[in-house]
Amino acid sequence: MKNSMEVKFKAIAENQVFARNVVASFILPLNPSINELEDIKTAVNEAVTNVIVHAYPNNDGNISMKVTTFNNKVASAYFDR
């Protein structure tokens, strides 16, 4: 089954934890291992950090995060518009 979600939040460092936890919660139905969950949370953190540092160094924007699951796979995209 395919599922997807999109979340928009302020591009500030404090929201890195929020983004990691949202994605981790969203993919729980896939029954990931602890290691897989940690890897995904690390990837989310890096992506969000890149947007904050490179797109909005003055913390004046938003991040849109889209996550899709399909056939036990996860895809995510991060937008700075």
Protein backbone atom coordinates (compact mmCIF):
# COMPACT_ATOMS: atom_id res chain seq x y z
CA MET A 1 0.00 0.00 0.00
CA LYS A 2 1.21 3.49 -0.84
CA ASN A 3 0.98 6.22 1.76
CA SER A 4 2.30 9.77 1.83
CA MET A 5 2.32 12.87 3.98
CA GLU A 6 3.56 16.41 3.72
CA VAL A 7 4.47 18.75 6.58
CA LYS A 8 5.56 22.38 6.53
CA PHE A 9 7.49 23.91 9.42
CA LYS A 10 9.73 26.84 10.30
CA ALA A 11 13.37 26.44 9.20
CA ILE A 12 14.96 26.61 12.64
CA ALA A 13 17.29 24.16 14.37
CA GLU A 14 14.72 23.41 17.08
CA ASN A 15 12.51 21.74 14.46
CA GLN A 16 15.09 19.07 13.55
CA VAL A 17 13.81 16.88 16.40
CA PHE A 18 10.24 17.47 15.23
CA ALA A 19 11.08 16.42 11.66
CA ARG A 20 12.93 13.27 12.79
CA ASN A 21 10.09 12.20 15.05
CA VAL A 22 7.39 12.87 12.45
CA VAL A 23 9.14 10.68 9.87
CA ALA A 24 9.96 7.97 12.43
CA SER A 25 6.31 7.82 13.51
CA PHE A 26 5.04 7.82 9.93
CA ILE A 27 7.15 4.81 8.91
CA LEU A 28 6.42 2.68 12.00
CA PRO A 29 3.77 0.63 10.13
CA LEU A 30 6.65 -0.69 7.97
CA ASN A 31 8.09 -2.27 11.14
CA PRO A 32 11.66 -0.98 10.69
CA SER A 33 14.47 -2.31 12.85
CA ILE A 34 16.00 0.01 15.44
CA ASN A 35 19.06 0.42 13.19
CA GLU A 36 16.91 1.28 10.16
CA LEU A 37 14.94 3.78 12.22
CA GLU A 38 18.14 5.45 13.45
CA ASP A 39 19.53 5.60 9.90
CA ILE A 40 16.36 7.26 8.63
CA LYS A 41 16.33 9.74 11.51
CA THR A 42 19.96 10.61 10.74
CA ALA A 43 19.15 11.16 7.06
CA VAL A 44 16.19 13.39 7.95
CA ASN A 45 18.34 15.39 10.34
CA GLU A 46 21.01 15.93 7.67
CA ALA A 47 18.47 17.00 5.06
CA VAL A 48 16.74 19.45 7.39
CA THR A 49 20.09 20.83 8.56
CA ASN A 50 21.16 21.42 4.94
CA VAL A 51 18.01 23.42 4.22
CA ILE A 52 18.42 25.48 7.39
CA VAL A 53 22.11 26.22 6.83
CA HIS A 54 22.14 26.76 3.06
CA ALA A 55 18.68 28.09 2.20
CA TYR A 56 17.80 30.05 5.32
CA PRO A 57 20.90 31.09 7.26
CA ASN A 58 18.82 33.86 8.90
CA ASN A 59 16.02 31.48 9.97
CA ASP A 60 13.54 33.33 7.79
CA GLY A 61 11.84 30.55 5.86
CA ASN A 62 9.94 27.30 5.93
CA ILE A 63 10.74 23.71 5.08
CA SER A 64 8.26 21.47 3.31
CA MET A 65 8.93 17.79 3.93
CA LYS A 66 7.19 15.07 1.93
CA VAL A 67 7.51 11.38 2.82
CA THR A 68 6.11 8.45 0.84
CA THR A 69 6.05 4.75 1.68
CA PHE A 70 5.40 2.05 -0.91
CA ASN A 71 6.20 -1.68 -0.93
CA ASN A 72 8.22 -1.42 2.29
CA LYS A 73 10.35 1.44 0.89
CA VAL A 74 10.64 5.03 2.08
CA ALA A 75 11.26 8.14 -0.04
CA SER A 76 11.50 11.68 1.25
CA ALA A 77 11.95 15.13 -0.23
CA TYR A 78 12.70 18.47 1.39
CA PHE A 79 11.84 21.83 -0.16
CA ASP A 80 12.89 25.33 0.79
CA ARG A 81 10.09 27.24 -0.86
